[in-house]
N, C-alpha and C. Protein backbone atom coordinates (compact mmCIF):
# COMPACT_ATOMS: atom_id res chain seq x y z
N MET A 1 30.79 94.12 83.75
CA MET A 1 31.26 94.91 85.07
C MET A 1 30.83 94.23 86.16
N THR A 2 31.90 94.09 87.13
CA THR A 2 31.43 93.43 88.60
C THR A 2 30.55 94.40 89.54
N ARG A 3 29.92 93.74 90.37
CA ARG A 3 29.17 94.62 91.28
C ARG A 3 30.15 95.62 91.87
N GLU A 4 31.19 95.23 92.59
CA GLU A 4 32.18 96.04 93.22
C GLU A 4 32.58 97.34 92.37
N ARG A 5 32.92 97.04 91.02
CA ARG A 5 33.00 98.16 90.07
C ARG A 5 31.87 98.96 89.83
N THR A 6 30.94 98.37 89.96
CA THR A 6 29.66 99.16 89.46
C THR A 6 29.45 99.96 90.76
N ILE A 7 29.35 99.62 92.11
CA ILE A 7 29.26 100.44 93.25
C ILE A 7 30.21 101.49 93.13
N ALA A 8 31.52 101.21 93.11
CA ALA A 8 32.67 102.13 93.27
C ALA A 8 32.48 103.29 92.11
N ASN A 9 31.87 103.05 90.94
CA ASN A 9 31.49 104.04 89.84
C ASN A 9 30.31 104.98 89.99
N ARG A 10 29.44 104.40 90.93
CA ARG A 10 28.08 104.96 90.94
C ARG A 10 28.12 106.21 91.56
N PRO A 11 27.67 107.34 90.81
CA PRO A 11 27.77 108.80 91.18
C PRO A 11 26.78 108.83 92.52
N LEU A 12 27.38 109.86 93.37
CA LEU A 12 26.59 110.01 94.60
C LEU A 12 26.24 111.53 94.63
N THR A 13 25.13 111.54 95.06
CA THR A 13 24.44 112.85 95.58
C THR A 13 25.34 113.36 96.72
N PRO A 14 25.37 114.61 97.10
CA PRO A 14 26.12 115.40 98.26
C PRO A 14 25.73 114.64 99.57
N ARG A 15 24.75 114.48 99.73
CA ARG A 15 24.29 113.85 100.97
C ARG A 15 25.04 112.38 100.94
N GLY A 16 24.75 111.59 99.83
CA GLY A 16 25.26 110.33 99.77
C GLY A 16 26.83 110.24 99.91
N ALA A 17 27.56 111.06 99.48
CA ALA A 17 28.85 111.40 99.44
C ALA A 17 29.33 111.68 100.87
N ALA A 18 28.45 112.63 101.65
CA ALA A 18 28.71 112.70 103.25
C ALA A 18 28.67 111.74 103.92
N THR A 19 27.46 110.75 103.69
CA THR A 19 27.16 109.36 104.41
C THR A 19 28.38 108.47 104.12
N LYS A 20 28.75 108.45 102.98
CA LYS A 20 29.70 107.50 102.68
C LYS A 20 31.10 107.89 103.50
N GLN A 21 31.40 109.17 103.31
CA GLN A 21 32.86 109.58 103.95
C GLN A 21 32.73 109.28 105.37
N ARG A 22 31.41 109.59 106.09
CA ARG A 22 31.17 109.26 107.59
C ARG A 22 31.22 107.86 107.92
N ILE A 23 31.06 107.05 107.16
CA ILE A 23 31.34 105.54 107.21
C ILE A 23 32.85 105.16 107.18
N VAL A 24 33.32 105.81 106.15
CA VAL A 24 34.76 105.54 106.22
C VAL A 24 35.70 106.18 107.27
N GLU A 25 35.29 107.18 107.57
CA GLU A 25 35.94 107.86 109.00
C GLU A 25 35.78 106.87 110.18
N ALA A 26 34.74 106.58 110.23
CA ALA A 26 34.29 105.69 111.55
C ALA A 26 35.11 104.41 111.39
N ALA A 27 35.05 103.82 110.17
CA ALA A 27 35.79 102.55 110.10
C ALA A 27 37.34 102.66 109.96
N ALA A 28 38.03 104.14 109.94
CA ALA A 28 39.38 104.01 109.75
C ALA A 28 39.61 104.26 111.37
N GLU A 29 38.90 104.82 112.19
CA GLU A 29 39.22 104.83 113.60
C GLU A 29 39.17 103.54 114.30
N LEU A 30 37.98 102.86 113.83
CA LEU A 30 37.87 101.56 114.47
C LEU A 30 39.28 100.65 114.30
N ILE A 31 39.42 100.74 112.91
CA ILE A 31 40.66 99.85 112.47
C ILE A 31 41.95 100.44 113.20
N TYR A 32 42.00 101.60 113.04
CA TYR A 32 43.24 102.14 113.84
C TYR A 32 43.41 101.49 115.26
N LEU A 33 42.32 101.56 115.90
CA LEU A 33 42.20 101.18 117.26
C LEU A 33 42.37 99.52 117.57
N HIS A 34 41.68 99.00 116.62
CA HIS A 34 41.52 97.47 117.03
C HIS A 34 42.04 96.46 115.80
N GLY A 35 42.54 97.07 114.74
CA GLY A 35 43.12 96.18 113.49
C GLY A 35 41.83 95.78 112.54
N ALA A 36 42.06 95.74 111.47
CA ALA A 36 40.98 95.36 110.47
C ALA A 36 40.32 94.09 110.75
N GLU A 37 41.36 93.24 111.11
CA GLU A 37 40.87 91.80 111.43
C GLU A 37 39.64 91.67 112.18
N ASN A 38 39.87 92.53 113.50
CA ASN A 38 38.95 92.66 114.59
C ASN A 38 37.70 93.54 114.22
N VAL A 39 37.41 94.24 113.30
CA VAL A 39 36.62 95.10 113.10
C VAL A 39 35.56 94.43 111.90
N SER A 40 34.33 94.29 112.33
CA SER A 40 33.46 93.37 111.15
C SER A 40 32.48 94.81 110.65
N LEU A 41 32.00 94.38 109.60
CA LEU A 41 30.96 95.30 109.04
C LEU A 41 29.71 95.75 110.00
N ASP A 42 29.36 94.37 110.88
CA ASP A 42 28.20 94.85 111.90
C ASP A 42 28.74 95.80 112.68
N THR A 43 30.15 95.97 113.19
CA THR A 43 30.40 96.66 114.15
C THR A 43 30.44 98.09 113.29
N VAL A 44 30.74 97.98 112.15
CA VAL A 44 30.67 99.57 111.51
C VAL A 44 29.32 99.94 111.28
N MET A 45 28.37 98.96 111.12
CA MET A 45 27.01 99.67 111.05
C MET A 45 26.64 100.05 112.32
N ASP A 46 26.92 99.52 113.51
CA ASP A 46 26.51 99.85 114.80
C ASP A 46 26.80 101.20 115.43
N VAL A 47 28.25 101.43 114.80
CA VAL A 47 28.85 102.68 115.47
C VAL A 47 28.46 103.71 114.34
N THR A 48 28.03 103.63 113.22
CA THR A 48 27.65 104.52 112.35
C THR A 48 26.05 104.65 112.27
N ASN A 49 25.32 103.67 112.73
CA ASN A 49 23.86 103.73 112.80
C ASN A 49 23.37 103.55 111.37
N THR A 50 23.95 102.73 110.59
CA THR A 50 23.82 102.58 109.35
C THR A 50 22.99 101.12 109.16
N SER A 51 22.33 100.94 108.34
CA SER A 51 21.57 99.60 108.02
C SER A 51 22.38 98.92 107.05
N LYS A 52 22.36 97.59 106.76
CA LYS A 52 22.98 96.75 105.94
C LYS A 52 22.78 97.12 104.40
N SER A 53 21.49 97.49 104.22
CA SER A 53 21.59 97.67 102.91
C SER A 53 22.10 99.24 102.46
N GLN A 54 21.99 99.94 103.55
CA GLN A 54 22.69 101.44 103.34
C GLN A 54 24.17 100.87 103.23
N LEU A 55 24.73 100.24 104.10
CA LEU A 55 26.37 99.92 103.80
C LEU A 55 26.81 99.67 102.64
N TYR A 56 25.75 98.58 102.38
CA TYR A 56 26.15 97.78 101.04
C TYR A 56 25.73 98.65 99.61
N HIS A 57 25.12 99.81 99.97
CA HIS A 57 24.84 100.54 98.87
C HIS A 57 26.14 101.56 98.39
N TYR A 58 26.96 101.56 99.60
CA TYR A 58 28.32 102.21 99.12
C TYR A 58 29.56 101.30 98.94
N PHE A 59 29.29 100.18 99.74
CA PHE A 59 30.66 99.22 99.62
C PHE A 59 30.06 97.77 99.15
N ALA A 60 30.82 97.23 98.44
CA ALA A 60 30.40 95.79 98.05
C ALA A 60 30.67 94.89 98.96
N ASN A 61 31.91 95.14 99.86
CA ASN A 61 32.33 94.11 100.76
C ASN A 61 33.18 94.88 101.74
N LYS A 62 33.71 94.21 102.62
CA LYS A 62 34.89 94.60 103.62
C LYS A 62 36.19 95.11 102.89
N GLN A 63 36.59 94.41 101.67
CA GLN A 63 37.53 94.85 101.36
C GLN A 63 37.50 96.00 100.60
N ALA A 64 36.38 96.38 100.13
CA ALA A 64 36.09 97.67 99.35
C ALA A 64 36.13 98.85 100.56
N LEU A 65 35.52 98.43 101.55
CA LEU A 65 35.73 99.57 102.85
C LEU A 65 37.10 99.73 103.15
N ILE A 66 37.77 98.82 103.11
CA ILE A 66 39.26 98.84 103.52
C ILE A 66 40.08 99.72 102.45
N ARG A 67 39.67 99.52 101.48
CA ARG A 67 40.42 100.05 100.29
C ARG A 67 40.36 101.96 100.58
N ASP A 68 38.89 102.13 100.80
CA ASP A 68 38.68 103.48 101.20
C ASP A 68 39.39 104.08 102.51
N VAL A 69 39.38 102.93 103.16
CA VAL A 69 40.17 103.59 104.62
C VAL A 69 41.71 103.59 104.37
N ILE A 70 42.12 102.82 103.56
CA ILE A 70 43.73 103.19 103.28
C ILE A 70 43.61 104.63 102.39
N ASP A 71 43.11 104.60 101.35
CA ASP A 71 43.09 105.79 101.04
C ASP A 71 42.89 107.25 101.73
N LEU A 72 41.76 107.02 102.90
CA LEU A 72 41.81 108.20 103.70
C LEU A 72 42.92 108.36 104.62
N GLN A 73 43.56 107.20 105.03
CA GLN A 73 44.66 107.36 105.99
C GLN A 73 45.89 107.93 105.41
N THR A 74 45.93 107.41 103.93
CA THR A 74 46.98 107.99 102.97
C THR A 74 46.96 109.50 103.03
N SER A 75 45.84 109.96 102.47
CA SER A 75 45.66 111.31 102.39
C SER A 75 45.78 112.12 103.50
N ARG A 76 45.68 111.62 104.87
CA ARG A 76 45.73 112.52 105.80
C ARG A 76 47.33 112.46 106.08
N ILE A 77 47.87 111.14 106.04
CA ILE A 77 49.62 111.52 106.26
C ILE A 77 50.29 112.42 105.04
N VAL A 78 49.86 112.14 103.85
CA VAL A 78 50.37 112.97 102.94
C VAL A 78 50.18 114.56 103.13
N ALA A 79 48.90 114.86 103.52
CA ALA A 79 48.62 116.23 103.61
C ALA A 79 49.29 116.89 104.97
N ALA A 80 49.38 116.12 105.95
CA ALA A 80 50.39 116.58 107.21
C ALA A 80 51.71 116.66 106.74
N ASN A 81 51.98 115.83 105.92
CA ASN A 81 53.60 115.99 105.56
C ASN A 81 53.70 117.23 104.61
N ALA A 82 52.86 117.39 103.78
CA ALA A 82 52.85 118.39 102.57
C ALA A 82 52.83 119.78 103.29
N GLN A 83 52.19 119.68 104.20
CA GLN A 83 51.76 121.13 104.87
C GLN A 83 53.11 121.44 105.68
N SER A 84 53.85 120.38 106.32
CA SER A 84 55.29 120.63 106.76
C SER A 84 56.38 120.76 106.28
N LEU A 85 56.29 120.35 104.98
CA LEU A 85 57.25 120.49 104.04
C LEU A 85 57.27 121.22 102.87
N GLY A 86 55.86 121.68 102.80
CA GLY A 86 55.49 122.33 101.48
C GLY A 86 56.63 123.46 101.41
N ALA A 87 57.19 124.07 102.52
CA ALA A 87 57.93 125.46 101.95
C ALA A 87 59.32 124.99 102.61
N LEU A 88 59.83 123.56 102.36
CA LEU A 88 60.95 123.14 103.01
C LEU A 88 62.05 123.72 102.24
N ASP A 89 63.28 124.44 102.80
CA ASP A 89 64.20 125.28 102.09
C ASP A 89 65.42 125.37 102.95
N SER A 90 65.27 124.60 104.32
CA SER A 90 66.45 124.59 104.72
C SER A 90 66.31 123.66 105.98
N PHE A 91 67.70 123.31 106.70
CA PHE A 91 67.62 122.27 107.69
C PHE A 91 66.51 122.59 109.03
N VAL A 92 66.54 123.97 109.16
CA VAL A 92 65.71 124.32 110.32
C VAL A 92 64.23 123.77 109.88
N ALA A 93 63.53 123.73 108.80
CA ALA A 93 62.46 123.43 108.45
C ALA A 93 62.38 121.92 108.54
N LEU A 94 63.54 121.36 108.05
CA LEU A 94 63.58 119.71 108.12
C LEU A 94 63.47 119.61 109.62
N ARG A 95 64.08 120.07 110.48
CA ARG A 95 63.95 119.62 111.84
C ARG A 95 62.60 120.05 112.47
N ALA A 96 61.86 121.18 111.95
CA ALA A 96 60.65 121.27 112.27
C ALA A 96 59.73 120.06 111.67
N TRP A 97 59.90 119.29 110.73
CA TRP A 97 59.35 118.33 110.26
C TRP A 97 59.30 117.04 111.16
N GLY A 98 60.67 116.73 111.68
CA GLY A 98 60.98 115.72 112.65
C GLY A 98 59.93 116.11 113.80
N ASP A 99 60.14 117.36 114.20
CA ASP A 99 59.36 117.50 115.56
C ASP A 99 57.67 117.48 115.44
N MET A 100 57.29 117.71 114.10
CA MET A 100 56.03 117.39 113.80
C MET A 100 55.71 115.93 113.99
N ILE A 101 56.37 114.89 113.44
CA ILE A 101 56.36 113.46 113.61
C ILE A 101 56.41 113.34 115.26
N ILE A 102 57.33 113.72 115.99
CA ILE A 102 57.18 113.22 117.39
C ILE A 102 56.11 113.80 118.17
N ALA A 103 55.56 114.99 117.73
CA ALA A 103 54.48 115.79 118.50
C ALA A 103 53.27 114.91 118.01
N ALA A 104 53.05 114.63 116.78
CA ALA A 104 51.92 113.74 116.48
C ALA A 104 51.90 112.34 117.36
N PHE A 105 52.94 111.74 117.32
CA PHE A 105 52.86 110.51 118.22
C PHE A 105 52.56 110.58 119.41
N ARG A 106 53.20 111.94 120.09
CA ARG A 106 52.73 111.93 121.49
C ARG A 106 51.42 112.24 121.76
N ALA A 107 50.67 113.04 120.90
CA ALA A 107 49.15 113.45 120.56
C ALA A 107 48.40 112.39 120.76
N GLY A 108 48.99 111.26 120.33
CA GLY A 108 48.20 109.94 120.35
C GLY A 108 48.40 109.06 121.32
N GLY A 109 49.16 109.45 122.49
CA GLY A 109 49.42 108.48 123.56
C GLY A 109 50.25 107.51 123.34
N GLY A 110 50.84 107.27 122.07
CA GLY A 110 51.86 106.44 121.69
C GLY A 110 50.95 105.07 121.47
N ILE A 111 49.75 105.19 121.21
CA ILE A 111 48.71 103.89 120.95
C ILE A 111 48.44 103.98 119.50
N GLY A 112 48.64 102.95 118.93
CA GLY A 112 48.12 102.64 117.50
C GLY A 112 49.08 102.80 116.44
N GLY A 113 50.07 103.83 116.76
CA GLY A 113 51.36 103.79 115.69
C GLY A 113 50.79 104.57 114.32
N CYS A 114 51.69 104.46 113.41
CA CYS A 114 51.41 105.19 112.17
C CYS A 114 49.99 104.32 111.55
N PRO A 115 49.15 105.04 111.08
CA PRO A 115 47.85 104.47 110.69
C PRO A 115 48.15 103.56 109.32
N ILE A 116 48.99 103.84 108.32
CA ILE A 116 49.36 103.30 107.17
C ILE A 116 50.52 102.02 107.49
N GLY A 117 51.40 102.71 108.46
CA GLY A 117 52.16 101.38 108.77
C GLY A 117 51.65 100.47 109.71
N SER A 118 50.48 100.70 110.24
CA SER A 118 49.90 99.45 111.17
C SER A 118 48.82 98.68 110.10
N LEU A 119 48.29 99.31 108.99
CA LEU A 119 47.63 98.72 108.18
C LEU A 119 48.70 97.85 107.38
N ALA A 120 49.75 98.13 106.87
CA ALA A 120 50.78 97.26 106.38
C ALA A 120 51.27 96.11 107.07
N ASN A 121 51.36 96.42 108.05
CA ASN A 121 51.97 95.45 109.11
C ASN A 121 51.01 94.16 109.22
N GLU A 122 49.62 94.42 109.25
CA GLU A 122 48.49 93.73 109.35
C GLU A 122 47.98 93.04 107.90
N LEU A 123 48.30 94.02 107.02
CA LEU A 123 47.45 93.54 105.57
C LEU A 123 48.41 93.09 104.47
N ALA A 124 49.56 93.48 104.60
CA ALA A 124 50.64 93.18 103.59
C ALA A 124 50.89 91.54 103.23
N THR A 125 50.65 90.86 104.02
CA THR A 125 50.76 89.30 103.79
C THR A 125 49.27 88.73 103.66
N ARG A 126 48.24 89.32 103.91
CA ARG A 126 47.02 88.78 103.67
C ARG A 126 46.46 89.11 102.47
N SER A 127 46.63 90.35 101.92
CA SER A 127 45.84 90.74 100.59
C SER A 127 46.86 91.37 99.78
N GLU A 128 47.11 90.85 98.74
CA GLU A 128 47.82 91.38 97.44
C GLU A 128 47.18 92.97 97.08
N GLU A 129 45.97 92.80 96.91
CA GLU A 129 45.44 94.04 96.66
C GLU A 129 45.94 95.31 97.73
N ALA A 130 45.73 94.91 98.87
CA ALA A 130 46.09 95.65 99.84
C ALA A 130 47.44 96.20 100.13
N ARG A 131 48.26 95.05 99.89
CA ARG A 131 49.68 95.42 99.68
C ARG A 131 50.31 96.40 98.54
N LEU A 132 49.54 96.27 97.72
CA LEU A 132 49.96 97.08 96.42
C LEU A 132 49.46 98.54 96.73
N GLN A 133 48.38 98.53 97.28
CA GLN A 133 47.90 99.82 97.64
C GLN A 133 48.46 100.61 98.70
N LEU A 134 49.05 99.65 99.91
CA LEU A 134 49.74 100.33 100.81
C LEU A 134 51.29 100.89 100.25
N ARG A 135 51.91 100.11 99.39
CA ARG A 135 52.98 100.30 98.84
C ARG A 135 52.99 101.78 98.09
N GLN A 136 51.87 101.72 97.52
CA GLN A 136 51.57 103.08 96.80
C GLN A 136 51.42 104.14 97.71
N SER A 137 51.05 103.95 98.95
CA SER A 137 50.73 104.98 100.07
C SER A 137 52.25 105.44 100.46
N PHE A 138 52.93 104.40 100.57
CA PHE A 138 54.37 105.00 101.16
C PHE A 138 55.13 105.56 100.07
N SER A 139 54.88 105.24 98.92
CA SER A 139 55.56 105.89 97.87
C SER A 139 55.13 107.17 97.87
N SER A 140 53.78 107.57 98.10
CA SER A 140 53.24 108.97 98.11
C SER A 140 53.79 109.82 99.17
N TRP A 141 54.10 109.13 100.35
CA TRP A 141 54.65 109.95 101.38
C TRP A 141 55.88 110.16 101.17
N SER A 142 56.74 109.27 100.50
CA SER A 142 58.20 109.46 100.24
C SER A 142 58.23 110.50 99.38
N SER A 143 57.32 110.74 98.29
CA SER A 143 57.43 111.56 97.09
C SER A 143 57.25 113.12 97.68
N VAL A 144 56.64 113.23 98.80
CA VAL A 144 56.39 114.64 99.44
C VAL A 144 57.67 114.93 99.92
N ILE A 145 58.48 113.97 100.60
CA ILE A 145 59.62 114.34 101.35
C ILE A 145 60.79 114.49 100.34
N GLU A 146 60.54 113.68 99.11
CA GLU A 146 61.55 113.95 98.33
C GLU A 146 61.53 115.22 97.34
N ASN A 147 60.07 115.69 97.34
CA ASN A 147 60.07 117.04 96.56
C ASN A 147 60.57 118.09 97.46
N GLY A 148 60.39 118.09 98.90
CA GLY A 148 60.95 118.97 99.73
C GLY A 148 62.71 119.06 99.54
N LEU A 149 63.07 117.75 99.72
CA LEU A 149 64.76 117.69 99.50
C LEU A 149 65.00 118.33 98.16
N CYS A 150 64.12 117.77 97.33
CA CYS A 150 64.66 118.69 95.97
C CYS A 150 64.82 119.96 96.08
N ARG A 151 63.96 120.85 96.79
CA ARG A 151 64.17 122.06 96.92
C ARG A 151 65.29 122.81 97.70
N MET A 152 65.68 121.80 98.51
CA MET A 152 66.83 122.16 99.32
C MET A 152 68.04 121.94 98.34
N ARG A 153 68.04 120.96 97.86
CA ARG A 153 69.11 120.70 96.69
C ARG A 153 69.26 121.69 95.64
N ARG A 154 68.10 122.33 95.23
CA ARG A 154 68.35 123.39 94.19
C ARG A 154 68.79 124.61 94.93
N ALA A 155 68.57 124.81 96.28
CA ALA A 155 68.64 125.96 96.91
C ALA A 155 69.96 125.93 97.35
N GLY A 156 71.04 124.89 97.09
CA GLY A 156 72.36 124.48 97.68
C GLY A 156 72.39 124.30 98.94
N GLN A 157 71.20 123.73 99.38
CA GLN A 157 71.34 123.12 100.95
C GLN A 157 71.81 121.86 101.08
N LEU A 158 71.74 121.05 99.83
CA LEU A 158 72.24 119.74 99.64
C LEU A 158 73.13 119.67 98.50
N ASP A 159 74.15 118.67 98.59
CA ASP A 159 75.09 118.66 97.52
C ASP A 159 74.28 118.24 96.28
N ALA A 160 74.80 118.79 95.05
CA ALA A 160 74.14 118.45 93.96
C ALA A 160 73.98 117.02 93.27
N ASP A 161 74.92 116.28 93.98
CA ASP A 161 74.75 114.70 93.54
C ASP A 161 73.93 113.92 94.56
N THR A 162 73.23 114.68 95.43
CA THR A 162 72.56 113.79 96.46
C THR A 162 71.28 113.09 96.09
N ASP A 163 71.15 111.67 96.08
CA ASP A 163 70.15 110.89 95.85
C ASP A 163 68.95 111.28 96.78
N VAL A 164 68.20 112.19 96.46
CA VAL A 164 67.12 112.65 97.29
C VAL A 164 66.02 111.52 97.30
N ALA A 165 65.77 110.83 96.30
CA ALA A 165 64.63 109.73 96.16
C ALA A 165 65.08 108.80 97.28
N ALA A 166 66.36 108.07 97.23
CA ALA A 166 66.82 107.16 98.15
C ALA A 166 66.64 107.78 99.56
N MET A 167 67.13 108.83 99.83
CA MET A 167 67.06 109.85 101.00
C MET A 167 65.69 109.73 101.53
N ALA A 168 64.77 110.12 100.75
CA ALA A 168 63.24 110.20 101.25
C ALA A 168 62.86 108.74 101.86
N VAL A 169 63.22 107.78 101.01
CA VAL A 169 62.69 106.22 101.49
C VAL A 169 63.36 106.01 102.81
N ALA A 170 64.62 106.41 102.90
CA ALA A 170 65.05 105.96 104.37
C ALA A 170 64.67 106.80 105.45
N MET A 171 64.32 107.96 104.99
CA MET A 171 63.67 109.05 106.17
C MET A 171 62.13 108.30 106.52
N VAL A 172 61.70 107.72 105.56
CA VAL A 172 60.33 107.07 105.98
C VAL A 172 60.35 105.78 106.68
N ALA A 173 61.32 105.05 106.34
CA ALA A 173 61.73 103.67 106.87
C ALA A 173 62.26 104.23 108.34
N ALA A 174 63.02 105.24 108.66
CA ALA A 174 63.21 105.47 109.90
C ALA A 174 62.18 105.87 110.84
N VAL A 175 61.08 106.57 110.42
CA VAL A 175 59.98 107.04 111.02
C VAL A 175 59.33 105.65 111.38
N GLN A 176 59.14 104.89 110.42
CA GLN A 176 58.41 103.62 110.75
C GLN A 176 59.16 102.78 111.77
N GLY A 177 60.41 102.59 111.68
CA GLY A 177 60.99 101.72 112.88
C GLY A 177 60.90 102.53 114.21
N GLY A 178 61.19 103.72 114.24
CA GLY A 178 61.04 104.37 115.19
C GLY A 178 59.87 104.38 116.07
N ILE A 179 58.77 104.31 115.31
CA ILE A 179 57.30 104.70 115.82
C ILE A 179 56.96 103.10 116.50
N VAL A 180 57.56 101.93 115.53
CA VAL A 180 57.35 100.64 116.15
C VAL A 180 57.89 100.35 117.53
N LEU A 181 59.00 100.89 117.68
CA LEU A 181 59.95 100.62 118.90
C LEU A 181 59.31 101.72 120.01
N ALA A 182 58.77 102.93 119.75
CA ALA A 182 58.19 104.01 120.46
C ALA A 182 57.09 103.37 121.08
N LYS A 183 56.09 102.80 120.08
CA LYS A 183 54.74 102.19 120.45
C LYS A 183 55.10 101.17 121.58
N THR A 184 56.03 100.26 121.12
CA THR A 184 56.29 99.02 122.02
C THR A 184 56.67 99.38 123.51
N SER A 185 57.56 100.57 123.51
CA SER A 185 58.22 100.93 124.79
C SER A 185 57.37 102.02 125.40
N ARG A 186 56.22 102.39 124.67
CA ARG A 186 55.57 103.53 125.36
C ARG A 186 56.45 104.79 125.76
N GLU A 187 57.25 104.99 124.94
CA GLU A 187 58.01 106.23 125.10
C GLU A 187 58.55 106.97 123.87
N THR A 188 58.79 108.26 123.66
CA THR A 188 59.07 108.62 122.57
C THR A 188 60.61 108.41 122.11
N ARG A 189 61.16 108.09 123.00
CA ARG A 189 62.82 108.11 122.80
C ARG A 189 63.39 107.40 121.69
N PRO A 190 62.66 106.20 121.24
CA PRO A 190 63.35 105.53 120.26
C PRO A 190 63.00 106.33 118.97
N LEU A 191 61.68 106.91 118.92
CA LEU A 191 61.31 107.65 117.84
C LEU A 191 62.17 108.70 117.50
N GLU A 192 62.57 109.64 118.70
CA GLU A 192 63.27 110.97 118.57
C GLU A 192 64.71 110.28 118.16
N LEU A 193 65.39 109.32 118.47
CA LEU A 193 66.62 108.97 118.02
C LEU A 193 66.65 108.59 116.70
N ALA A 194 65.72 107.83 116.22
CA ALA A 194 65.33 107.49 114.74
C ALA A 194 65.48 108.34 113.99
N ILE A 195 64.66 109.61 114.18
CA ILE A 195 64.53 110.77 113.43
C ILE A 195 65.82 111.75 113.59
N ASP A 196 66.54 111.77 114.68
CA ASP A 196 67.80 112.53 114.60
C ASP A 196 68.77 111.83 113.76
N MET A 197 68.91 110.55 113.83
CA MET A 197 69.77 109.81 113.04
C MET A 197 69.28 109.83 111.43
N ALA A 198 68.22 110.15 111.13
CA ALA A 198 67.88 110.14 109.74
C ALA A 198 68.06 111.65 109.61
N LEU A 199 68.05 112.66 110.20
CA LEU A 199 68.37 114.07 110.07
C LEU A 199 69.77 114.24 109.73
N ALA A 200 70.46 113.60 110.70
CA ALA A 200 72.13 113.69 110.76
C ALA A 200 72.53 113.11 109.31
N HIS A 201 71.87 112.06 108.91
CA HIS A 201 72.31 111.25 107.63
C HIS A 201 72.15 112.50 106.48
N VAL A 202 71.02 113.34 106.46
CA VAL A 202 70.49 114.48 105.48
C VAL A 202 71.78 115.59 105.72
N LYS A 203 72.13 115.91 106.94
CA LYS A 203 73.23 116.79 107.15
C LYS A 203 74.50 116.58 106.67
N ARG A 204 74.78 115.31 106.63
CA ARG A 204 76.19 114.84 106.06
C ARG A 204 76.13 115.18 104.28
N HIS A 205 74.91 115.29 103.86
CA HIS A 205 74.91 115.78 102.57
C HIS A 205 74.66 117.36 102.24
N ALA A 206 74.97 118.14 103.18
CA ALA A 206 75.00 119.40 102.97
C ALA A 206 75.71 120.24 102.17
N GLY A 207 75.10 120.89 101.15
CA GLY A 207 75.76 121.66 100.20
C GLY A 207 76.54 122.82 100.87
N VAL A 208 77.22 123.55 99.96
CA VAL A 208 77.79 124.83 100.40
C VAL A 208 76.99 125.80 101.20
N ALA A 209 75.66 125.94 100.74
CA ALA A 209 74.78 127.01 101.27
C ALA A 209 74.17 126.63 102.80
N GLY A 210 74.32 124.93 103.02
CA GLY A 210 73.90 124.54 104.15
C GLY A 210 74.77 124.30 105.28
N ARG A 211 76.22 124.18 105.05
CA ARG A 211 77.10 123.78 105.76
C ARG A 211 77.27 124.53 107.18
N GLU A 212 76.78 125.90 107.21
CA GLU A 212 77.21 126.54 108.12
C GLU A 212 75.67 126.95 109.03
N LEU A 213 74.82 126.36 108.63
CA LEU A 213 73.47 126.77 109.02
C LEU A 213 72.98 125.65 110.32
N PRO A 214 72.38 126.26 111.27
CA PRO A 214 71.88 125.79 112.37
C PRO A 214 71.00 124.60 111.94
N PHE A 215 70.81 123.47 112.94
CA PHE A 215 70.17 122.34 112.64
C PHE A 215 69.48 122.04 113.89
């Protein structure tokens, strides 16, 4: 068993788990603002007031820390979308999801973009392990949207033959593209347009129960 796997499988006390979580959250914030390449373990130690021995008690190397950062950012994205889409049963609720995405971008001041999108842009060509992990992150996000669309399809809001899996992937892609353009232009309009077009595409597949409903 490698040292990295030994550390990963090491049981933690409640205090140890809290310390590890604090380090991961601080690292996630630093990486979100400055990029993984520009954040060293020394910087993480300084910000968290953690010694080298303490840091290496929880993480074998920087790659192990980044792995946990990806997990954290993914769980946050999935949780936010699950909360918005958990009761998705109408086009009005779907519009509310789009508004949530736009509001989150505005709240961040247009800086940093999507946490997992930014990580993917930086790491996908540098680390195969990170690329595969981030691919699963996007898959988890798409699955939350797909589950909501499935509920709409079962309720007759969408045509019975709607490919909700493909539709969910397209919606994530629209959000990612819209965020990149909005971040670059420092205005929300590109993201708003991307989401409007994605939702209009969903509306084109409206079933009998959804054709006369507001959007």
